[in-house]
């Protein structure tokens, strides 16, 4: 399972259902992780921090290549690997 670190602001918005997409730069690094899954649902872990005990959530997402929403952290007109969030659940044992 792919684990992605994420800032608290975006993590909290995803948990509340307000933010429906997560963005990653269109780089070789992220293309190697998500490119084969464009248009297909996969499971990832979003972690608010880098420590193993940081709050985390398990998400079902569908990767796409498209522009993002500025309200959710994307730069206008910039294309990203966009992870369309289908479902979210706080990971068991998470203190949040």
PDB file of N, CA and C in Angstrom:
ATOM      1  N   UNK A   1       0.848  -1.175   0.000  1.00  0.00           N
ATOM      2  CA  UNK A   1       0.000   0.000   0.000  1.00  0.00           C
ATOM      3  C   UNK A   1       0.897   1.243   0.000  1.00  0.00           C
ATOM      4  N   UNK A   2       0.547   2.193  -0.816  1.00  0.00           N
ATOM      5  CA  UNK A   2       1.296   3.441  -0.897  1.00  0.00           C
ATOM      6  C   UNK A   2       0.904   4.318   0.294  1.00  0.00           C
ATOM      7  N   UNK A   3       1.914   4.848   1.006  1.00  0.00           N
ATOM      8  CA  UNK A   3       1.686   5.761   2.118  1.00  0.00           C
ATOM      9  C   UNK A   3       2.194   7.136   1.716  1.00  0.00           C
ATOM     10  N   UNK A   4       1.333   8.140   1.847  1.00  0.00           N
ATOM     11  CA  UNK A   4       1.688   9.506   1.478  1.00  0.00           C
ATOM     12  C   UNK A   4       1.583  10.429   2.681  1.00  0.00           C
ATOM     13  N   UNK A   5       2.628  11.201   2.959  1.00  0.00           N
ATOM     14  CA  UNK A   5       2.519  12.198   4.014  1.00  0.00           C
ATOM     15  C   UNK A   5       1.651  13.362   3.532  1.00  0.00           C
ATOM     16  N   UNK A   6       0.938  13.986   4.467  1.00  0.00           N
ATOM     17  CA  UNK A   6       0.027  15.062   4.105  1.00  0.00           C
ATOM     18  C   UNK A   6      -0.057  16.054   5.266  1.00  0.00           C
ATOM     19  N   UNK A   7      -0.178  17.337   4.948  1.00  0.00           N
ATOM     20  CA  UNK A   7      -0.278  18.375   5.980  1.00  0.00           C
ATOM     21  C   UNK A   7      -1.609  18.271   6.721  1.00  0.00           C
ATOM     22  N   UNK A   8      -1.592  18.702   7.980  1.00  0.00           N
ATOM     23  CA  UNK A   8      -2.763  18.601   8.847  1.00  0.00           C
ATOM     24  C   UNK A   8      -3.998  19.267   8.249  1.00  0.00           C
ATOM     25  N   UNK A   9      -3.833  20.446   7.671  1.00  0.00           N
ATOM     26  CA  UNK A   9      -4.973  21.171   7.075  1.00  0.00           C
ATOM     27  C   UNK A   9      -5.697  20.295   6.060  1.00  0.00           C
ATOM     28  N   UNK A  10      -4.944  19.679   5.145  1.00  0.00           N
ATOM     29  CA  UNK A  10      -5.548  18.863   4.089  1.00  0.00           C
ATOM     30  C   UNK A  10      -6.068  17.544   4.659  1.00  0.00           C
ATOM     31  N   UNK A  11      -5.329  16.962   5.604  1.00  0.00           N
ATOM     32  CA  UNK A  11      -5.748  15.718   6.249  1.00  0.00           C
ATOM     33  C   UNK A  11      -7.109  15.903   6.918  1.00  0.00           C
ATOM     34  N   UNK A  12      -7.250  16.972   7.697  1.00  0.00           N
ATOM     35  CA  UNK A  12      -8.514  17.239   8.391  1.00  0.00           C
ATOM     36  C   UNK A  12      -9.657  17.489   7.414  1.00  0.00           C
ATOM     37  N   UNK A  13      -9.384  18.200   6.310  1.00  0.00           N
ATOM     38  CA  UNK A  13     -10.422  18.468   5.312  1.00  0.00           C
ATOM     39  C   UNK A  13     -10.862  17.179   4.612  1.00  0.00           C
ATOM     40  N   UNK A  14      -9.937  16.264   4.385  1.00  0.00           N
ATOM     41  CA  UNK A  14     -10.277  14.983   3.764  1.00  0.00           C
ATOM     42  C   UNK A  14     -11.127  14.152   4.728  1.00  0.00           C
ATOM     43  N   UNK A  15     -10.717  14.114   5.996  1.00  0.00           N
ATOM     44  CA  UNK A  15     -11.495  13.350   6.985  1.00  0.00           C
ATOM     45  C   UNK A  15     -12.915  13.869   7.125  1.00  0.00           C
ATOM     46  N   UNK A  16     -13.083  15.200   7.057  1.00  0.00           N
ATOM     47  CA  UNK A  16     -14.417  15.787   7.205  1.00  0.00           C
ATOM     48  C   UNK A  16     -15.264  15.625   5.939  1.00  0.00           C
ATOM     49  N   UNK A  17     -14.648  15.252   4.834  1.00  0.00           N
ATOM     50  CA  UNK A  17     -15.361  15.105   3.569  1.00  0.00           C
ATOM     51  C   UNK A  17     -15.385  16.369   2.741  1.00  0.00           C
ATOM     52  N   UNK A  18     -14.766  17.434   3.234  1.00  0.00           N
ATOM     53  CA  UNK A  18     -14.752  18.711   2.520  1.00  0.00           C
ATOM     54  C   UNK A  18     -13.826  18.673   1.301  1.00  0.00           C
ATOM     55  N   UNK A  19     -12.669  18.032   1.438  1.00  0.00           N
ATOM     56  CA  UNK A  19     -11.699  17.939   0.341  1.00  0.00           C
ATOM     57  C   UNK A  19     -11.871  16.587  -0.335  1.00  0.00           C
ATOM     58  N   UNK A  20     -12.135  16.606  -1.635  1.00  0.00           N
ATOM     59  CA  UNK A  20     -12.451  15.385  -2.382  1.00  0.00           C
ATOM     60  C   UNK A  20     -11.301  14.873  -3.247  1.00  0.00           C
ATOM     61  N   UNK A  21     -10.180  15.602  -3.272  1.00  0.00           N
ATOM     62  CA  UNK A  21      -9.029  15.216  -4.087  1.00  0.00           C
ATOM     63  C   UNK A  21      -7.744  15.526  -3.334  1.00  0.00           C
ATOM     64  N   UNK A  22      -6.725  14.728  -3.597  1.00  0.00           N
ATOM     65  CA  UNK A  22      -5.380  15.005  -3.103  1.00  0.00           C
ATOM     66  C   UNK A  22      -4.482  15.107  -4.327  1.00  0.00           C
ATOM     67  N   UNK A  23      -3.507  16.024  -4.271  1.00  0.00           N
ATOM     68  CA  UNK A  23      -2.668  16.303  -5.434  1.00  0.00           C
ATOM     69  C   UNK A  23      -1.225  15.931  -5.182  1.00  0.00           C
ATOM     70  N   UNK A  24      -0.603  15.379  -6.219  1.00  0.00           N
ATOM     71  CA  UNK A  24       0.823  15.093  -6.218  1.00  0.00           C
ATOM     72  C   UNK A  24       1.394  15.608  -7.524  1.00  0.00           C
ATOM     73  N   UNK A  25       2.594  16.196  -7.452  1.00  0.00           N
ATOM     74  CA  UNK A  25       3.224  16.735  -8.654  1.00  0.00           C
ATOM     75  C   UNK A  25       3.382  15.645  -9.705  1.00  0.00           C
ATOM     76  N   UNK A  26       3.244  16.059 -10.954  1.00  0.00           N
ATOM     77  CA  UNK A  26       3.404  15.129 -12.070  1.00  0.00           C
ATOM     78  C   UNK A  26       4.904  14.972 -12.321  1.00  0.00           C
ATOM     79  N   UNK A  27       5.503  14.084 -11.537  1.00  0.00           N
ATOM     80  CA  UNK A  27       6.939  13.807 -11.636  1.00  0.00           C
ATOM     81  C   UNK A  27       7.123  12.319 -11.915  1.00  0.00           C
ATOM     82  N   UNK A  28       8.328  11.953 -12.292  1.00  0.00           N
ATOM     83  CA  UNK A  28       8.630  10.548 -12.547  1.00  0.00           C
ATOM     84  C   UNK A  28       8.401   9.712 -11.290  1.00  0.00           C
ATOM     85  N   UNK A  29       8.709  10.291 -10.139  1.00  0.00           N
ATOM     86  CA  UNK A  29       8.530   9.583  -8.864  1.00  0.00           C
ATOM     87  C   UNK A  29       7.066   9.158  -8.676  1.00  0.00           C
ATOM     88  N   UNK A  30       6.143  10.128  -8.778  1.00  0.00           N
ATOM     89  CA  UNK A  30       4.726   9.792  -8.571  1.00  0.00           C
ATOM     90  C   UNK A  30       4.122   9.053  -9.766  1.00  0.00           C
ATOM     91  N   UNK A  31       4.606   9.327 -10.956  1.00  0.00           N
ATOM     92  CA  UNK A  31       4.129   8.598 -12.125  1.00  0.00           C
ATOM     93  C   UNK A  31       4.463   7.113 -12.000  1.00  0.00           C
ATOM     94  N   UNK A  32       5.629   6.797 -11.439  1.00  0.00           N
ATOM     95  CA  UNK A  32       6.005   5.395 -11.266  1.00  0.00           C
ATOM     96  C   UNK A  32       5.108   4.694 -10.245  1.00  0.00           C
ATOM     97  N   UNK A  33       4.531   5.442  -9.317  1.00  0.00           N
ATOM     98  CA  UNK A  33       3.662   4.860  -8.299  1.00  0.00           C
ATOM     99  C   UNK A  33       2.198   4.779  -8.723  1.00  0.00           C
ATOM    100  N   UNK A  34       1.753   5.760  -9.507  1.00  0.00           N
ATOM    101  CA  UNK A  34       0.322   5.837  -9.837  1.00  0.00           C
ATOM    102  C   UNK A  34      -0.008   5.654 -11.314  1.00  0.00           C
ATOM    103  N   UNK A  35       0.970   5.788 -12.196  1.00  0.00           N
ATOM    104  CA  UNK A  35       0.713   5.763 -13.633  1.00  0.00           C
ATOM    105  C   UNK A  35      -0.024   4.537 -14.130  1.00  0.00           C
ATOM    106  N   UNK A  36       0.285   3.378 -13.607  1.00  0.00           N
ATOM    107  CA  UNK A  36      -0.362   2.137 -14.046  1.00  0.00           C
ATOM    108  C   UNK A  36      -1.798   2.027 -13.549  1.00  0.00           C
ATOM    109  N   UNK A  37      -2.184   2.916 -12.620  1.00  0.00           N
ATOM    110  CA  UNK A  37      -3.511   2.827 -12.000  1.00  0.00           C
ATOM    111  C   UNK A  37      -4.464   3.938 -12.427  1.00  0.00           C
ATOM    112  N   UNK A  38      -4.070   4.788 -13.376  1.00  0.00           N
ATOM    113  CA  UNK A  38      -4.951   5.878 -13.797  1.00  0.00           C
ATOM    114  C   UNK A  38      -6.321   5.306 -14.176  1.00  0.00           C
ATOM    115  N   UNK A  39      -7.360   5.889 -13.594  1.00  0.00           N
ATOM    116  CA  UNK A  39      -8.721   5.463 -13.888  1.00  0.00           C
ATOM    117  C   UNK A  39      -9.193   4.237 -13.122  1.00  0.00           C
ATOM    118  N   UNK A  40      -8.333   3.667 -12.273  1.00  0.00           N
ATOM    119  CA  UNK A  40      -8.678   2.461 -11.507  1.00  0.00           C
ATOM    120  C   UNK A  40      -8.639   2.776 -10.014  1.00  0.00           C
ATOM    121  N   UNK A  41      -9.538   2.177  -9.265  1.00  0.00           N
ATOM    122  CA  UNK A  41      -9.560   2.418  -7.826  1.00  0.00           C
ATOM    123  C   UNK A  41      -8.453   1.635  -7.123  1.00  0.00           C
ATOM    124  N   UNK A  42      -7.715   2.329  -6.258  1.00  0.00           N
ATOM    125  CA  UNK A  42      -6.674   1.696  -5.449  1.00  0.00           C
ATOM    126  C   UNK A  42      -6.825   2.169  -4.003  1.00  0.00           C
ATOM    127  N   UNK A  43      -6.130   1.499  -3.104  1.00  0.00           N
ATOM    128  CA  UNK A  43      -6.142   1.862  -1.690  1.00  0.00           C
ATOM    129  C   UNK A  43      -4.798   2.476  -1.328  1.00  0.00           C
ATOM    130  N   UNK A  44      -4.833   3.618  -0.631  1.00  0.00           N
ATOM    131  CA  UNK A  44      -3.627   4.275  -0.160  1.00  0.00           C
ATOM    132  C   UNK A  44      -3.800   4.644   1.315  1.00  0.00           C
ATOM    133  N   UNK A  45      -2.688   5.007   1.938  1.00  0.00           N
ATOM    134  CA  UNK A  45      -2.713   5.523   3.309  1.00  0.00           C
ATOM    135  C   UNK A  45      -2.238   6.975   3.268  1.00  0.00           C
ATOM    136  N   UNK A  46      -3.018   7.869   3.848  1.00  0.00           N
ATOM    137  CA  UNK A  46      -2.595   9.256   4.030  1.00  0.00           C
ATOM    138  C   UNK A  46      -2.171   9.397   5.485  1.00  0.00           C
ATOM    139  N   UNK A  47      -0.966   9.906   5.698  1.00  0.00           N
ATOM    140  CA  UNK A  47      -0.442  10.038   7.054  1.00  0.00           C
ATOM    141  C   UNK A  47      -0.121  11.505   7.324  1.00  0.00           C
ATOM    142  N   UNK A  48      -0.660  12.030   8.427  1.00  0.00           N
ATOM    143  CA  UNK A  48      -0.413  13.413   8.818  1.00  0.00           C
ATOM    144  C   UNK A  48       0.913  13.488   9.577  1.00  0.00           C
ATOM    145  N   UNK A  49       1.995  13.434   8.833  1.00  0.00           N
ATOM    146  CA  UNK A  49       3.339  13.448   9.393  1.00  0.00           C
ATOM    147  C   UNK A  49       4.129  12.281   8.853  1.00  0.00           C
ATOM    148  N   UNK A  50       5.350  12.150   9.366  1.00  0.00           N
ATOM    149  CA  UNK A  50       6.249  11.110   8.865  1.00  0.00           C
ATOM    150  C   UNK A  50       6.458   9.968   9.852  1.00  0.00           C
ATOM    151  N   UNK A  51       6.047  10.150  11.095  1.00  0.00           N
ATOM    152  CA  UNK A  51       6.232   9.104  12.100  1.00  0.00           C
ATOM    153  C   UNK A  51       5.211   7.992  11.914  1.00  0.00           C
ATOM    154  N   UNK A  52       5.586   6.778  12.269  1.00  0.00           N
ATOM    155  CA  UNK A  52       4.670   5.646  12.131  1.00  0.00           C
ATOM    156  C   UNK A  52       3.431   5.799  13.003  1.00  0.00           C
ATOM    157  N   UNK A  53       3.539   6.554  14.111  1.00  0.00           N
ATOM    158  CA  UNK A  53       2.389   6.734  14.992  1.00  0.00           C
ATOM    159  C   UNK A  53       1.617   8.029  14.706  1.00  0.00           C
ATOM    160  N   UNK A  54       1.924   8.694  13.604  1.00  0.00           N
ATOM    161  CA  UNK A  54       1.173   9.891  13.202  1.00  0.00           C
ATOM    162  C   UNK A  54      -0.236   9.480  12.789  1.00  0.00           C
ATOM    163  N   UNK A  55      -1.223  10.381  12.954  1.00  0.00           N
ATOM    164  CA  UNK A  55      -2.590  10.064  12.511  1.00  0.00           C
ATOM    165  C   UNK A  55      -2.602   9.668  11.036  1.00  0.00           C
ATOM    166  N   UNK A  56      -3.371   8.642  10.714  1.00  0.00           N
ATOM    167  CA  UNK A  56      -3.438   8.198   9.322  1.00  0.00           C
ATOM    168  C   UNK A  56      -4.833   7.713   8.976  1.00  0.00           C
ATOM    169  N   UNK A  57      -5.104   7.711   7.681  1.00  0.00           N
ATOM    170  CA  UNK A  57      -6.401   7.278   7.169  1.00  0.00           C
ATOM    171  C   UNK A  57      -6.172   6.390   5.955  1.00  0.00           C
ATOM    172  N   UNK A  58      -7.031   5.414   5.811  1.00  0.00           N
ATOM    173  CA  UNK A  58      -7.012   4.532   4.645  1.00  0.00           C
ATOM    174  C   UNK A  58      -8.053   5.074   3.665  1.00  0.00           C
ATOM    175  N   UNK A  59      -7.622   5.302   2.430  1.00  0.00           N
ATOM    176  CA  UNK A  59      -8.501   5.907   1.427  1.00  0.00           C
ATOM    177  C   UNK A  59      -8.560   5.049   0.168  1.00  0.00           C
ATOM    178  N   UNK A  60      -9.738   4.966  -0.407  1.00  0.00           N
ATOM    179  CA  UNK A  60      -9.917   4.409  -1.745  1.00  0.00           C
ATOM    180  C   UNK A  60      -9.878   5.616  -2.671  1.00  0.00           C
ATOM    181  N   UNK A  61      -8.992   5.582  -3.652  1.00  0.00           N
ATOM    182  CA  UNK A  61      -8.830   6.708  -4.576  1.00  0.00           C
ATOM    183  C   UNK A  61      -8.761   6.215  -6.009  1.00  0.00           C
ATOM    184  N   UNK A  62      -9.037   7.129  -6.946  1.00  0.00           N
ATOM    185  CA  UNK A  62      -8.855   6.872  -8.371  1.00  0.00           C
ATOM    186  C   UNK A  62      -7.890   7.931  -8.891  1.00  0.00           C
ATOM    187  N   UNK A  63      -6.687   7.529  -9.312  1.00  0.00           N
ATOM    188  CA  UNK A  63      -5.719   8.487  -9.852  1.00  0.00           C
ATOM    189  C   UNK A  63      -6.110   8.967 -11.258  1.00  0.00           C
ATOM    190  N   UNK A  64      -5.907  10.258 -11.493  1.00  0.00           N
ATOM    191  CA  UNK A  64      -6.135  10.892 -12.792  1.00  0.00           C
ATOM    192  C   UNK A  64      -4.993  11.872 -13.047  1.00  0.00           C
ATOM    193  N   UNK A  65      -4.900  12.368 -14.258  1.00  0.00           N
ATOM    194  CA  UNK A  65      -3.970  13.439 -14.607  1.00  0.00           C
ATOM    195  C   UNK A  65      -4.825  14.616 -15.026  1.00  0.00           C
ATOM    196  N   UNK A  66      -4.901  15.644 -14.176  1.00  0.00           N
ATOM    197  CA  UNK A  66      -5.738  16.803 -14.496  1.00  0.00           C
ATOM    198  C   UNK A  66      -5.375  17.984 -13.604  1.00  0.00           C
ATOM    199  N   UNK A  67      -5.984  19.124 -13.872  1.00  0.00           N
ATOM    200  CA  UNK A  67      -5.776  20.298 -13.027  1.00  0.00           C
ATOM    201  C   UNK A  67      -6.540  20.114 -11.727  1.00  0.00           C
ATOM    202  N   UNK A  68      -6.085  20.822 -10.706  1.00  0.00           N
ATOM    203  CA  UNK A  68      -6.703  20.697  -9.393  1.00  0.00           C
ATOM    204  C   UNK A  68      -7.451  21.949  -8.985  1.00  0.00           C
ATOM    205  N   UNK A  69      -8.034  21.903  -7.812  1.00  0.00           N
ATOM    206  CA  UNK A  69      -8.825  22.987  -7.237  1.00  0.00           C
ATOM    207  C   UNK A  69      -7.939  23.832  -6.319  1.00  0.00           C
ATOM    208  N   UNK A  70      -7.888  25.136  -6.560  1.00  0.00           N
ATOM    209  CA  UNK A  70      -7.048  26.027  -5.766  1.00  0.00           C
ATOM    210  C   UNK A  70      -7.446  26.018  -4.287  1.00  0.00           C
ATOM    211  N   UNK A  71      -8.726  25.855  -3.995  1.00  0.00           N
ATOM    212  CA  UNK A  71      -9.193  25.810  -2.603  1.00  0.00           C
ATOM    213  C   UNK A  71      -8.619  24.609  -1.859  1.00  0.00           C
ATOM    214  N   UNK A  72      -8.187  23.614  -2.582  1.00  0.00           N
ATOM    215  CA  UNK A  72      -7.659  22.391  -1.987  1.00  0.00           C
ATOM    216  C   UNK A  72      -6.147  22.279  -2.160  1.00  0.00           C
ATOM    217  N   UNK A  73      -5.472  23.399  -2.468  1.00  0.00           N
ATOM    218  CA  UNK A  73      -4.018  23.431  -2.498  1.00  0.00           C
ATOM    219  C   UNK A  73      -3.353  23.372  -3.849  1.00  0.00           C
ATOM    220  N   UNK A  74      -4.100  23.284  -4.930  1.00  0.00           N
ATOM    221  CA  UNK A  74      -3.503  23.205  -6.273  1.00  0.00           C
ATOM    222  C   UNK A  74      -3.248  24.609  -6.828  1.00  0.00           C
ATOM    223  N   UNK A  75      -2.216  24.733  -7.631  1.00  0.00           N
ATOM    224  CA  UNK A  75      -1.946  25.981  -8.329  1.00  0.00           C
ATOM    225  C   UNK A  75      -2.832  26.028  -9.567  1.00  0.00           C
ATOM    226  N   UNK A  76      -3.536  27.152  -9.792  1.00  0.00           N
ATOM    227  CA  UNK A  76      -4.422  27.261 -10.963  1.00  0.00           C
ATOM    228  C   UNK A  76      -3.679  26.979 -12.270  1.00  0.00           C
ATOM    229  N   UNK A  77      -4.295  26.167 -13.118  1.00  0.00           N
ATOM    230  CA  UNK A  77      -3.735  25.860 -14.435  1.00  0.00           C
ATOM    231  C   UNK A  77      -2.658  24.799 -14.449  1.00  0.00           C
ATOM    232  N   UNK A  78      -2.234  24.307 -13.300  1.00  0.00           N
ATOM    233  CA  UNK A  78      -1.193  23.285 -13.222  1.00  0.00           C
ATOM    234  C   UNK A  78      -1.834  21.904 -13.185  1.00  0.00           C
ATOM    235  N   UNK A  79      -1.287  20.998 -13.994  1.00  0.00           N
ATOM    236  CA  UNK A  79      -1.806  19.628 -13.984  1.00  0.00           C
ATOM    237  C   UNK A  79      -1.041  18.803 -12.957  1.00  0.00           C
ATOM    238  N   UNK A  80      -1.778  17.933 -12.286  1.00  0.00           N
ATOM    239  CA  UNK A  80      -1.245  17.082 -11.224  1.00  0.00           C
ATOM    240  C   UNK A  80      -1.681  15.645 -11.436  1.00  0.00           C
ATOM    241  N   UNK A  81      -1.031  14.751 -10.710  1.00  0.00           N
ATOM    242  CA  UNK A  81      -1.617  13.445 -10.511  1.00  0.00           C
ATOM    243  C   UNK A  81      -2.630  13.687  -9.408  1.00  0.00           C
ATOM    244  N   UNK A  82      -3.886  13.595  -9.774  1.00  0.00           N
ATOM    245  CA  UNK A  82      -4.992  13.910  -8.865  1.00  0.00           C
ATOM    246  C   UNK A  82      -5.593  12.611  -8.361  1.00  0.00           C
ATOM    247  N   UNK A  83      -5.640  12.476  -7.042  1.00  0.00           N
ATOM    248  CA  UNK A  83      -6.207  11.287  -6.423  1.00  0.00           C
ATOM    249  C   UNK A  83      -7.631  11.614  -6.002  1.00  0.00           C
ATOM    250  N   UNK A  84      -8.585  11.158  -6.789  1.00  0.00           N
ATOM    251  CA  UNK A  84     -10.007  11.398  -6.518  1.00  0.00           C
ATOM    252  C   UNK A  84     -10.435  10.473  -5.377  1.00  0.00           C
ATOM    253  N   UNK A  85     -10.815  11.068  -4.247  1.00  0.00           N
ATOM    254  CA  UNK A  85     -11.118  10.298  -3.049  1.00  0.00           C
ATOM    255  C   UNK A  85     -12.533   9.724  -3.111  1.00  0.00           C
ATOM    256  N   UNK A  86     -12.623   8.394  -3.009  1.00  0.00           N
ATOM    257  CA  UNK A  86     -13.893   7.686  -3.047  1.00  0.00           C
ATOM    258  C   UNK A  86     -14.420   7.396  -1.642  1.00  0.00           C
ATOM    259  N   UNK A  87     -13.517   7.013  -0.743  1.00  0.00           N
ATOM    260  CA  UNK A  87     -13.907   6.729   0.639  1.00  0.00           C
ATOM    261  C   UNK A  87     -12.715   6.932   1.557  1.00  0.00           C
ATOM    262  N   UNK A  88     -13.011   7.208   2.831  1.00  0.00           N
ATOM    263  CA  UNK A  88     -11.977   7.471   3.831  1.00  0.00           C
ATOM    264  C   UNK A  88     -12.390   6.807   5.135  1.00  0.00           C
ATOM    265  N   UNK A  89     -11.419   6.191   5.792  1.00  0.00           N
ATOM    266  CA  UNK A  89     -11.668   5.719   7.157  1.00  0.00           C
ATOM    267  C   UNK A  89     -10.396   5.928   7.968  1.00  0.00           C
ATOM    268  N   UNK A  90     -10.570   6.444   9.180  1.00  0.00           N
ATOM    269  CA  UNK A  90      -9.456   6.649  10.087  1.00  0.00           C
ATOM    270  C   UNK A  90      -8.864   5.284  10.398  1.00  0.00           C
ATOM    271  N   UNK A  91      -7.550   5.211  10.392  1.00  0.00           N
ATOM    272  CA  UNK A  91      -6.901   3.917  10.628  1.00  0.00           C
ATOM    273  C   UNK A  91      -7.080   3.510  12.089  1.00  0.00           C
ATOM    274  N   UNK A  92      -7.330   2.235  12.314  1.00  0.00           N
ATOM    275  CA  UNK A  92      -7.553   1.701  13.660  1.00  0.00           C
ATOM    276  C   UNK A  92      -6.388   2.036  14.573  1.00  0.00           C
ATOM    277  N   UNK A  93      -6.697   2.373  15.828  1.00  0.00           N
ATOM    278  CA  UNK A  93      -5.672   2.702  16.793  1.00  0.00           C
ATOM    279  C   UNK A  93      -5.189   4.135  16.696  1.00  0.00           C
ATOM    280  N   UNK A  94      -5.782   4.905  15.794  1.00  0.00           N
ATOM    281  CA  UNK A  94      -5.386   6.289  15.589  1.00  0.00           C
ATOM    282  C   UNK A  94      -5.996   7.144  16.697  1.00  0.00           C
ATOM    283  N   UNK A  95      -5.200   7.974  17.382  1.00  0.00           N
ATOM    284  CA  UNK A  95      -5.692   8.770  18.493  1.00  0.00           C
ATOM    285  C   UNK A  95      -6.532   9.969  18.099  1.00  0.00           C
ATOM    286  N   UNK A  96      -6.625  10.295  16.796  1.00  0.00           N
ATOM    287  CA  UNK A  96      -7.364  11.499  16.362  1.00  0.00           C
ATOM    288  C   UNK A  96      -8.849  11.384  16.609  1.00  0.00           C
TER     289      UNK A  96
END
